[in-house]
Amino acid sequence: MSQFVLIHGASHGGWCWHKVKKLLEEGAHTVQAPDLPGHEPQSILPISAPLRRSPGRSVRRIGVVCQRDRALTPDFQEKMYRRAGCEIRYLDSGHAPFFSRPRELVDILDEE
């Protein structure tokens, strides 16, 4: 199966992924949800930093645009994810789909 590294945003920690992590692990995936600095832009730096990987293995970056987000507009989310080189997916969700729509979020992340 796959290995997932779930990156939280500002004012959150790895704990915010508990529902998504559980669902992915039930699907036999390996999941890491590290605690990163959470002060303003510091928490988004890891999505633009290189990821270490084994030779011959690729790393997918998936950015999920939350279409009902009132904190970050969908347009802003798209620009941020494109700049980070992410594949973009869309979810009919507010700002925190890891709380409100964990099953739908896992379905997006688990696509081949």
C-alpha atoms as a PDB file:
ATOM      1  CA  MET A   1       0.000   0.000   0.000  1.00  0.00           C
ATOM      2  CA  SER A   2       1.008   3.666   0.139  1.00  0.00           C
ATOM      3  CA  GLN A   3       2.743   5.870   2.646  1.00  0.00           C
ATOM      4  CA  PHE A   4       1.120   9.219   3.467  1.00  0.00           C
ATOM      5  CA  VAL A   5       2.659  12.283   5.118  1.00  0.00           C
ATOM      6  CA  LEU A   6      -0.165  14.600   6.184  1.00  0.00           C
ATOM      7  CA  ILE A   7       0.820  18.244   6.694  1.00  0.00           C
ATOM      8  CA  HIS A   8      -1.303  20.487   8.890  1.00  0.00           C
ATOM      9  CA  GLY A   9      -1.788  24.225   8.561  1.00  0.00           C
ATOM     10  CA  ALA A  10      -1.230  27.088  10.983  1.00  0.00           C
ATOM     11  CA  SER A  11      -2.701  26.771  14.476  1.00  0.00           C
ATOM     12  CA  HIS A  12      -3.039  23.000  14.116  1.00  0.00           C
ATOM     13  CA  GLY A  13      -0.848  20.009  14.814  1.00  0.00           C
ATOM     14  CA  GLY A  14      -0.578  16.441  13.620  1.00  0.00           C
ATOM     15  CA  TRP A  15      -3.506  15.670  15.933  1.00  0.00           C
ATOM     16  CA  CYS A  16      -5.950  17.313  13.495  1.00  0.00           C
ATOM     17  CA  TRP A  17      -5.517  14.362  11.119  1.00  0.00           C
ATOM     18  CA  HIS A  18      -6.674  11.700  13.625  1.00  0.00           C
ATOM     19  CA  LYS A  19      -9.857  10.766  11.688  1.00  0.00           C
ATOM     20  CA  VAL A  20      -8.123  10.679   8.298  1.00  0.00           C
ATOM     21  CA  LYS A  21      -5.118   8.808   9.710  1.00  0.00           C
ATOM     22  CA  LYS A  22      -7.357   6.119  11.204  1.00  0.00           C
ATOM     23  CA  LEU A  23      -9.246   5.625   7.923  1.00  0.00           C
ATOM     24  CA  LEU A  24      -6.052   5.417   5.867  1.00  0.00           C
ATOM     25  CA  GLU A  25      -4.486   2.948   8.306  1.00  0.00           C
ATOM     26  CA  GLU A  26      -7.635   0.808   8.123  1.00  0.00           C
ATOM     27  CA  GLY A  27      -6.886   0.632   4.392  1.00  0.00           C
ATOM     28  CA  ALA A  28      -3.413  -0.791   5.218  1.00  0.00           C
ATOM     29  CA  HIS A  29      -1.557   2.466   4.468  1.00  0.00           C
ATOM     30  CA  THR A  30       1.322   3.853   6.528  1.00  0.00           C
ATOM     31  CA  VAL A  31       0.599   7.360   7.785  1.00  0.00           C
ATOM     32  CA  GLN A  32       2.720  10.082   9.365  1.00  0.00           C
ATOM     33  CA  ALA A  33       1.188  13.292  10.683  1.00  0.00           C
ATOM     34  CA  PRO A  34       4.068  15.250  12.229  1.00  0.00           C
ATOM     35  CA  ASP A  35       3.703  18.324  14.413  1.00  0.00           C
ATOM     36  CA  LEU A  36       5.233  21.299  12.606  1.00  0.00           C
ATOM     37  CA  PRO A  37       5.670  24.932  13.679  1.00  0.00           C
ATOM     38  CA  GLY A  38       2.254  26.567  13.547  1.00  0.00           C
ATOM     39  CA  HIS A  39       2.919  30.260  13.395  1.00  0.00           C
ATOM     40  CA  GLU A  40       1.575  31.830  10.230  1.00  0.00           C
ATOM     41  CA  PRO A  41       3.551  30.953   7.052  1.00  0.00           C
ATOM     42  CA  GLN A  42       5.994  28.595   8.803  1.00  0.00           C
ATOM     43  CA  SER A  43       3.503  25.741   8.603  1.00  0.00           C
ATOM     44  CA  ILE A  44       3.206  25.896   4.786  1.00  0.00           C
ATOM     45  CA  LEU A  45       6.961  25.816   4.156  1.00  0.00           C
ATOM     46  CA  PRO A  46       7.159  21.993   4.159  1.00  0.00           C
ATOM     47  CA  ILE A  47       4.895  21.695   1.110  1.00  0.00           C
ATOM     48  CA  SER A  48       7.511  23.499  -0.959  1.00  0.00           C
ATOM     49  CA  ALA A  49      10.536  21.795   0.606  1.00  0.00           C
ATOM     50  CA  PRO A  50      12.030  18.714  -1.053  1.00  0.00           C
ATOM     51  CA  LEU A  51      10.905  15.342   0.249  1.00  0.00           C
ATOM     52  CA  ARG A  52      13.456  12.582   0.655  1.00  0.00           C
ATOM     53  CA  ARG A  53      12.578   9.375  -1.080  1.00  0.00           C
ATOM     54  CA  SER A  54      14.152   6.089  -2.004  1.00  0.00           C
ATOM     55  CA  PRO A  55      15.732   5.958  -5.470  1.00  0.00           C
ATOM     56  CA  GLY A  56      13.180   5.022  -8.102  1.00  0.00           C
ATOM     57  CA  ARG A  57      10.170   5.954  -5.952  1.00  0.00           C
ATOM     58  CA  SER A  58       8.015   8.954  -6.718  1.00  0.00           C
ATOM     59  CA  VAL A  59       6.270  11.287  -4.285  1.00  0.00           C
ATOM     60  CA  ARG A  60       2.804  12.551  -5.150  1.00  0.00           C
ATOM     61  CA  ARG A  61       1.710  15.872  -3.743  1.00  0.00           C
ATOM     62  CA  ILE A  62      -2.035  16.346  -3.636  1.00  0.00           C
ATOM     63  CA  GLY A  63      -3.608  19.686  -2.794  1.00  0.00           C
ATOM     64  CA  VAL A  64      -7.294  19.571  -1.936  1.00  0.00           C
ATOM     65  CA  VAL A  65      -9.169  22.764  -2.729  1.00  0.00           C
ATOM     66  CA  CYS A  66     -12.000  23.196  -0.236  1.00  0.00           C
ATOM     67  CA  GLN A  67     -14.687  24.833  -2.324  1.00  0.00           C
ATOM     68  CA  ARG A  68     -16.704  26.244   0.594  1.00  0.00           C
ATOM     69  CA  ASP A  69     -13.686  27.517   2.518  1.00  0.00           C
ATOM     70  CA  ARG A  70     -14.304  30.933   4.040  1.00  0.00           C
ATOM     71  CA  ALA A  71     -10.777  31.339   5.430  1.00  0.00           C
ATOM     72  CA  LEU A  72      -8.825  30.814   2.177  1.00  0.00           C
ATOM     73  CA  THR A  73     -10.601  31.360  -1.120  1.00  0.00           C
ATOM     74  CA  PRO A  74     -10.579  28.457  -3.576  1.00  0.00           C
ATOM     75  CA  ASP A  75      -8.630  30.657  -6.043  1.00  0.00           C
ATOM     76  CA  PHE A  76      -5.927  31.280  -3.445  1.00  0.00           C
ATOM     77  CA  GLN A  77      -5.768  27.574  -2.595  1.00  0.00           C
ATOM     78  CA  GLU A  78      -5.327  26.663  -6.270  1.00  0.00           C
ATOM     79  CA  LYS A  79      -2.501  29.180  -6.703  1.00  0.00           C
ATOM     80  CA  MET A  80      -0.758  27.918  -3.560  1.00  0.00           C
ATOM     81  CA  TYR A  81      -1.008  24.264  -4.636  1.00  0.00           C
ATOM     82  CA  ARG A  82       0.106  24.963  -8.214  1.00  0.00           C
ATOM     83  CA  ARG A  83       3.137  26.864  -6.911  1.00  0.00           C
ATOM     84  CA  ALA A  84       4.001  23.854  -4.725  1.00  0.00           C
ATOM     85  CA  GLY A  85       3.705  21.450  -7.670  1.00  0.00           C
ATOM     86  CA  CYS A  86       0.672  19.595  -6.314  1.00  0.00           C
ATOM     87  CA  GLU A  87      -1.943  17.643  -8.191  1.00  0.00           C
ATOM     88  CA  ILE A  88      -5.183  19.485  -7.476  1.00  0.00           C
ATOM     89  CA  ARG A  89      -8.401  17.870  -6.329  1.00  0.00           C
ATOM     90  CA  TYR A  90     -11.650  19.530  -5.255  1.00  0.00           C
ATOM     91  CA  LEU A  91     -13.878  18.849  -2.268  1.00  0.00           C
ATOM     92  CA  ASP A  92     -17.239  20.396  -1.425  1.00  0.00           C
ATOM     93  CA  SER A  93     -16.104  21.299   2.066  1.00  0.00           C
ATOM     94  CA  GLY A  94     -15.289  24.125   4.400  1.00  0.00           C
ATOM     95  CA  HIS A  95     -11.818  24.924   5.739  1.00  0.00           C
ATOM     96  CA  ALA A  96     -11.236  21.743   7.760  1.00  0.00           C
ATOM     97  CA  PRO A  97     -12.296  18.635   5.798  1.00  0.00           C
ATOM     98  CA  PHE A  98     -10.148  16.471   8.068  1.00  0.00           C
ATOM     99  CA  PHE A  99     -12.831  17.114  10.709  1.00  0.00           C
ATOM    100  CA  SER A 100     -16.016  17.523   8.657  1.00  0.00           C
ATOM    101  CA  ARG A 101     -15.479  15.227   5.641  1.00  0.00           C
ATOM    102  CA  PRO A 102     -12.770  12.682   6.557  1.00  0.00           C
ATOM    103  CA  ARG A 103     -14.201   9.818   4.454  1.00  0.00           C
ATOM    104  CA  GLU A 104     -14.485  11.979   1.331  1.00  0.00           C
ATOM    105  CA  LEU A 105     -10.981  13.343   1.911  1.00  0.00           C
ATOM    106  CA  VAL A 106      -9.558   9.823   2.239  1.00  0.00           C
ATOM    107  CA  ASP A 107     -11.334   8.818  -0.975  1.00  0.00           C
ATOM    108  CA  ILE A 108      -9.519  11.652  -2.766  1.00  0.00           C
ATOM    109  CA  LEU A 109      -6.145  10.845  -1.224  1.00  0.00           C
ATOM    110  CA  ASP A 110      -6.522   7.124  -1.943  1.00  0.00           C
ATOM    111  CA  GLU A 111      -7.170   7.555  -5.683  1.00  0.00           C
ATOM    112  CA  GLU A 112      -4.621   5.843  -7.907  1.00  0.00           C
END
